Amino acid sequence: MMNDPAALGMIPFDTIGLYEQPKPRFIFKMPRVVPDQKSKFESDDLFKKLSRDSELLKDENE
């Protein structure tokens, strides 16, 4: 009687999956901020500087 989950007022662990709600899937494309992000990234001075700085940090860590 002690090993019987129903006698203790508990739901057996196996059936818990039946009551779980399916998790929603969020699949969407991120909108672009500027029409041509790649050329903006390659031509903008700030991005160039940040890119160089991150490359230097990466090389130093290796």
PDB file of N, CA and C in Angstrom:
ATOM      1  N   MET A   1       0.816  -1.187   0.000  1.00  0.00           N
ATOM      2  CA  MET A   1       0.000   0.000   0.000  1.00  0.00           C
ATOM      3  C   MET A   1       0.867   1.261   0.000  1.00  0.00           C
ATOM      4  N   MET A   2       2.014   1.258   0.678  1.00  0.00           N
ATOM      5  CA  MET A   2       2.881   2.436   0.715  1.00  0.00           C
ATOM      6  C   MET A   2       3.504   2.717  -0.644  1.00  0.00           C
ATOM      7  N   ASN A   3       3.695   1.693  -1.456  1.00  0.00           N
ATOM      8  CA  ASN A   3       4.320   1.879  -2.763  1.00  0.00           C
ATOM      9  C   ASN A   3       3.316   2.249  -3.848  1.00  0.00           C
ATOM     10  N   ASP A   4       2.055   2.300  -3.524  1.00  0.00           N
ATOM     11  CA  ASP A   4       1.024   2.603  -4.512  1.00  0.00           C
ATOM     12  C   ASP A   4       0.794   4.121  -4.561  1.00  0.00           C
ATOM     13  N   PRO A   5       1.171   4.782  -5.678  1.00  0.00           N
ATOM     14  CA  PRO A   5       1.011   6.245  -5.761  1.00  0.00           C
ATOM     15  C   PRO A   5      -0.436   6.701  -5.639  1.00  0.00           C
ATOM     16  N   ALA A   6      -1.375   5.907  -6.161  1.00  0.00           N
ATOM     17  CA  ALA A   6      -2.784   6.292  -6.101  1.00  0.00           C
ATOM     18  C   ALA A   6      -3.274   6.322  -4.655  1.00  0.00           C
ATOM     19  N   ALA A   7      -2.759   5.415  -3.835  1.00  0.00           N
ATOM     20  CA  ALA A   7      -3.167   5.370  -2.433  1.00  0.00           C
ATOM     21  C   ALA A   7      -2.664   6.601  -1.683  1.00  0.00           C
ATOM     22  N   LEU A   8      -1.557   7.153  -2.113  1.00  0.00           N
ATOM     23  CA  LEU A   8      -0.999   8.339  -1.462  1.00  0.00           C
ATOM     24  C   LEU A   8      -1.564   9.633  -2.046  1.00  0.00           C
ATOM     25  N   GLY A   9      -2.450   9.524  -3.033  1.00  0.00           N
ATOM     26  CA  GLY A   9      -3.039  10.702  -3.648  1.00  0.00           C
ATOM     27  C   GLY A   9      -2.111  11.387  -4.629  1.00  0.00           C
ATOM     28  N   MET A  10      -1.161  10.651  -5.155  1.00  0.00           N
ATOM     29  CA  MET A  10      -0.200  11.224  -6.098  1.00  0.00           C
ATOM     30  C   MET A  10      -0.426  10.637  -7.486  1.00  0.00           C
ATOM     31  N   ILE A  11      -0.154  11.412  -8.497  1.00  0.00           N
ATOM     32  CA  ILE A  11      -0.230  10.935  -9.874  1.00  0.00           C
ATOM     33  C   ILE A  11       1.080  10.227 -10.193  1.00  0.00           C
ATOM     34  N   PRO A  12       1.018   9.056 -10.804  1.00  0.00           N
ATOM     35  CA  PRO A  12       2.268   8.382 -11.181  1.00  0.00           C
ATOM     36  C   PRO A  12       3.097   9.255 -12.116  1.00  0.00           C
ATOM     37  N   PHE A  13       4.413   9.178 -12.000  1.00  0.00           N
ATOM     38  CA  PHE A  13       5.329  10.016 -12.773  1.00  0.00           C
ATOM     39  C   PHE A  13       5.147   9.822 -14.274  1.00  0.00           C
ATOM     40  N   ASP A  14       4.789   8.621 -14.720  1.00  0.00           N
ATOM     41  CA  ASP A  14       4.659   8.321 -16.146  1.00  0.00           C
ATOM     42  C   ASP A  14       3.592   9.175 -16.830  1.00  0.00           C
ATOM     43  N   THR A  15       2.516   9.481 -16.139  1.00  0.00           N
ATOM     44  CA  THR A  15       1.397  10.164 -16.786  1.00  0.00           C
ATOM     45  C   THR A  15       1.549  11.685 -16.791  1.00  0.00           C
ATOM     46  N   ILE A  16       2.579  12.221 -16.161  1.00  0.00           N
ATOM     47  CA  ILE A  16       2.744  13.677 -16.121  1.00  0.00           C
ATOM     48  C   ILE A  16       2.887  14.239 -17.537  1.00  0.00           C
ATOM     49  N   GLY A  17       3.534  13.508 -18.442  1.00  0.00           N
ATOM     50  CA  GLY A  17       3.712  13.960 -19.812  1.00  0.00           C
ATOM     51  C   GLY A  17       2.404  14.204 -20.538  1.00  0.00           C
ATOM     52  N   LEU A  18       1.347  13.530 -20.130  1.00  0.00           N
ATOM     53  CA  LEU A  18       0.052  13.709 -20.777  1.00  0.00           C
ATOM     54  C   LEU A  18      -0.542  15.082 -20.489  1.00  0.00           C
ATOM     55  N   TYR A  19      -0.175  15.676 -19.375  1.00  0.00           N
ATOM     56  CA  TYR A  19      -0.777  16.938 -18.964  1.00  0.00           C
ATOM     57  C   TYR A  19       0.057  18.158 -19.343  1.00  0.00           C
ATOM     58  N   GLU A  20       1.254  17.952 -19.847  1.00  0.00           N
ATOM     59  CA  GLU A  20       2.112  19.079 -20.209  1.00  0.00           C
ATOM     60  C   GLU A  20       1.610  19.746 -21.482  1.00  0.00           C
ATOM     61  N   GLN A  21       1.616  21.046 -21.486  1.00  0.00           N
ATOM     62  CA  GLN A  21       1.239  21.794 -22.677  1.00  0.00           C
ATOM     63  C   GLN A  21       2.431  21.847 -23.625  1.00  0.00           C
ATOM     64  N   PRO A  22       2.193  21.725 -24.936  1.00  0.00           N
ATOM     65  CA  PRO A  22       3.318  21.828 -25.873  1.00  0.00           C
ATOM     66  C   PRO A  22       3.910  23.230 -25.840  1.00  0.00           C
ATOM     67  N   LYS A  23       5.221  23.291 -25.917  1.00  0.00           N
ATOM     68  CA  LYS A  23       5.901  24.584 -25.892  1.00  0.00           C
ATOM     69  C   LYS A  23       5.759  25.260 -27.254  1.00  0.00           C
ATOM     70  N   PRO A  24       5.460  26.561 -27.264  1.00  0.00           N
ATOM     71  CA  PRO A  24       5.325  27.263 -28.553  1.00  0.00           C
ATOM     72  C   PRO A  24       6.675  27.394 -29.241  1.00  0.00           C
ATOM     73  N   ARG A  25       6.654  27.397 -30.540  1.00  0.00           N
ATOM     74  CA  ARG A  25       7.875  27.558 -31.323  1.00  0.00           C
ATOM     75  C   ARG A  25       7.907  28.978 -31.874  1.00  0.00           C
ATOM     76  N   PHE A  26       9.006  29.648 -31.630  1.00  0.00           N
ATOM     77  CA  PHE A  26       9.174  31.006 -32.131  1.00  0.00           C
ATOM     78  C   PHE A  26      10.209  30.983 -33.238  1.00  0.00           C
ATOM     79  N   ILE A  27       9.741  30.832 -34.451  1.00  0.00           N
ATOM     80  CA  ILE A  27      10.636  30.840 -35.602  1.00  0.00           C
ATOM     81  C   ILE A  27      10.219  32.017 -36.473  1.00  0.00           C
ATOM     82  N   PHE A  28      11.078  32.997 -36.551  1.00  0.00           N
ATOM     83  CA  PHE A  28      10.783  34.150 -37.380  1.00  0.00           C
ATOM     84  C   PHE A  28      12.093  34.762 -37.835  1.00  0.00           C
ATOM     85  N   LYS A  29      12.015  35.543 -38.883  1.00  0.00           N
ATOM     86  CA  LYS A  29      13.199  36.222 -39.387  1.00  0.00           C
ATOM     87  C   LYS A  29      13.337  37.565 -38.692  1.00  0.00           C
ATOM     88  N   MET A  30      14.548  37.880 -38.308  1.00  0.00           N
ATOM     89  CA  MET A  30      14.818  39.169 -37.681  1.00  0.00           C
ATOM     90  C   MET A  30      14.763  40.249 -38.754  1.00  0.00           C
ATOM     91  N   PRO A  31      14.011  41.301 -38.524  1.00  0.00           N
ATOM     92  CA  PRO A  31      13.942  42.361 -39.538  1.00  0.00           C
ATOM     93  C   PRO A  31      15.270  43.109 -39.648  1.00  0.00           C
ATOM     94  N   ARG A  32      15.558  43.567 -40.828  1.00  0.00           N
ATOM     95  CA  ARG A  32      16.782  44.335 -41.047  1.00  0.00           C
ATOM     96  C   ARG A  32      16.555  45.775 -40.622  1.00  0.00           C
ATOM     97  N   VAL A  33      17.597  46.352 -40.035  1.00  0.00           N
ATOM     98  CA  VAL A  33      17.495  47.729 -39.567  1.00  0.00           C
ATOM     99  C   VAL A  33      17.771  48.693 -40.714  1.00  0.00           C
ATOM    100  N   VAL A  34      18.756  48.359 -41.533  1.00  0.00           N
ATOM    101  CA  VAL A  34      19.062  49.158 -42.722  1.00  0.00           C
ATOM    102  C   VAL A  34      18.898  48.256 -43.934  1.00  0.00           C
ATOM    103  N   PRO A  35      18.597  48.814 -45.102  1.00  0.00           N
ATOM    104  CA  PRO A  35      18.342  47.979 -46.282  1.00  0.00           C
ATOM    105  C   PRO A  35      19.501  47.048 -46.644  1.00  0.00           C
ATOM    106  N   ASP A  36      20.737  47.534 -46.586  1.00  0.00           N
ATOM    107  CA  ASP A  36      21.867  46.685 -46.958  1.00  0.00           C
ATOM    108  C   ASP A  36      22.847  46.635 -45.790  1.00  0.00           C
ATOM    109  N   GLN A  37      22.578  45.745 -44.840  1.00  0.00           N
ATOM    110  CA  GLN A  37      23.370  45.693 -43.621  1.00  0.00           C
ATOM    111  C   GLN A  37      24.825  45.318 -43.881  1.00  0.00           C
ATOM    112  N   LYS A  38      25.058  44.419 -44.811  1.00  0.00           N
ATOM    113  CA  LYS A  38      26.427  43.957 -45.040  1.00  0.00           C
ATOM    114  C   LYS A  38      27.320  45.101 -45.515  1.00  0.00           C
ATOM    115  N   SER A  39      26.874  45.874 -46.495  1.00  0.00           N
ATOM    116  CA  SER A  39      27.709  46.976 -46.985  1.00  0.00           C
ATOM    117  C   SER A  39      27.846  48.063 -45.917  1.00  0.00           C
ATOM    118  N   LYS A  40      26.801  48.279 -45.136  1.00  0.00           N
ATOM    119  CA  LYS A  40      26.872  49.249 -44.037  1.00  0.00           C
ATOM    120  C   LYS A  40      27.912  48.799 -43.017  1.00  0.00           C
ATOM    121  N   PHE A  41      27.921  47.516 -42.687  1.00  0.00           N
ATOM    122  CA  PHE A  41      28.875  46.974 -41.724  1.00  0.00           C
ATOM    123  C   PHE A  41      30.304  47.090 -42.245  1.00  0.00           C
ATOM    124  N   GLU A  42      30.497  46.800 -43.532  1.00  0.00           N
ATOM    125  CA  GLU A  42      31.843  46.825 -44.104  1.00  0.00           C
ATOM    126  C   GLU A  42      32.356  48.245 -44.331  1.00  0.00           C
ATOM    127  N   SER A  43      31.467  49.230 -44.513  1.00  0.00           N
ATOM    128  CA  SER A  43      31.915  50.582 -44.844  1.00  0.00           C
ATOM    129  C   SER A  43      31.932  51.532 -43.645  1.00  0.00           C
ATOM    130  N   ASP A  44      31.175  51.254 -42.619  1.00  0.00           N
ATOM    131  CA  ASP A  44      31.087  52.160 -41.480  1.00  0.00           C
ATOM    132  C   ASP A  44      32.371  52.112 -40.646  1.00  0.00           C
ATOM    133  N   ASP A  45      32.922  53.281 -40.309  1.00  0.00           N
ATOM    134  CA  ASP A  45      34.192  53.354 -39.578  1.00  0.00           C
ATOM    135  C   ASP A  45      34.112  52.718 -38.192  1.00  0.00           C
ATOM    136  N   LEU A  46      33.013  52.915 -37.508  1.00  0.00           N
ATOM    137  CA  LEU A  46      32.870  52.335 -36.176  1.00  0.00           C
ATOM    138  C   LEU A  46      32.921  50.809 -36.238  1.00  0.00           C
ATOM    139  N   PHE A  47      32.211  50.227 -37.203  1.00  0.00           N
ATOM    140  CA  PHE A  47      32.216  48.775 -37.337  1.00  0.00           C
ATOM    141  C   PHE A  47      33.598  48.257 -37.715  1.00  0.00           C
ATOM    142  N   LYS A  48      34.297  49.005 -38.565  1.00  0.00           N
ATOM    143  CA  LYS A  48      35.657  48.599 -38.940  1.00  0.00           C
ATOM    144  C   LYS A  48      36.552  48.560 -37.706  1.00  0.00           C
ATOM    145  N   LYS A  49      36.461  49.598 -36.878  1.00  0.00           N
ATOM    146  CA  LYS A  49      37.289  49.664 -35.672  1.00  0.00           C
ATOM    147  C   LYS A  49      36.943  48.516 -34.724  1.00  0.00           C
ATOM    148  N   LEU A  50      35.666  48.294 -34.497  1.00  0.00           N
ATOM    149  CA  LEU A  50      35.251  47.220 -33.599  1.00  0.00           C
ATOM    150  C   LEU A  50      35.675  45.855 -34.128  1.00  0.00           C
ATOM    151  N   SER A  51      35.615  45.687 -35.433  1.00  0.00           N
ATOM    152  CA  SER A  51      36.021  44.429 -36.041  1.00  0.00           C
ATOM    153  C   SER A  51      37.511  44.194 -35.832  1.00  0.00           C
ATOM    154  N   ARG A  52      38.320  45.230 -36.054  1.00  0.00           N
ATOM    155  CA  ARG A  52      39.770  45.105 -35.849  1.00  0.00           C
ATOM    156  C   ARG A  52      40.083  44.819 -34.385  1.00  0.00           C
ATOM    157  N   ASP A  53      39.425  45.533 -33.474  1.00  0.00           N
ATOM    158  CA  ASP A  53      39.664  45.330 -32.048  1.00  0.00           C
ATOM    159  C   ASP A  53      39.323  43.909 -31.625  1.00  0.00           C
ATOM    160  N   SER A  54      38.219  43.390 -32.114  1.00  0.00           N
ATOM    161  CA  SER A  54      37.832  42.034 -31.727  1.00  0.00           C
ATOM    162  C   SER A  54      38.783  40.999 -32.321  1.00  0.00           C
ATOM    163  N   GLU A  55      39.319  41.270 -33.518  1.00  0.00           N
ATOM    164  CA  GLU A  55      40.303  40.350 -34.101  1.00  0.00           C
ATOM    165  C   GLU A  55      41.576  40.347 -33.273  1.00  0.00           C
ATOM    166  N   LEU A  56      42.004  41.512 -32.804  1.00  0.00           N
ATOM    167  CA  LEU A  56      43.202  41.589 -31.977  1.00  0.00           C
ATOM    168  C   LEU A  56      43.009  40.843 -30.665  1.00  0.00           C
ATOM    169  N   LEU A  57      41.861  41.022 -30.048  1.00  0.00           N
ATOM    170  CA  LEU A  57      41.587  40.321 -28.801  1.00  0.00           C
ATOM    171  C   LEU A  57      41.554  38.818 -29.020  1.00  0.00           C
ATOM    172  N   LYS A  58      40.992  38.391 -30.117  1.00  0.00           N
ATOM    173  CA  LYS A  58      40.909  36.964 -30.426  1.00  0.00           C
ATOM    174  C   LYS A  58      42.309  36.385 -30.607  1.00  0.00           C
ATOM    175  N   ASP A  59      43.187  37.105 -31.335  1.00  0.00           N
ATOM    176  CA  ASP A  59      44.544  36.626 -31.574  1.00  0.00           C
ATOM    177  C   ASP A  59      45.348  36.569 -30.282  1.00  0.00           C
ATOM    178  N   GLU A  60      45.153  37.520 -29.387  1.00  0.00           N
ATOM    179  CA  GLU A  60      45.891  37.544 -28.127  1.00  0.00           C
ATOM    180  C   GLU A  60      45.483  36.388 -27.229  1.00  0.00           C
ATOM    181  N   ASN A  61      44.232  35.957 -27.306  1.00  0.00           N
ATOM    182  CA  ASN A  61      43.740  34.888 -26.440  1.00  0.00           C
ATOM    183  C   ASN A  61      44.179  33.510 -26.903  1.00  0.00           C
ATOM    184  N   GLU A  62      44.615  33.385 -28.112  1.00  0.00           N
ATOM    185  CA  GLU A  62      44.981  32.062 -28.630  1.00  0.00           C
ATOM    186  C   GLU A  62      46.343  31.629 -28.181  1.00  0.00           C
TER     187      GLU A  62
END
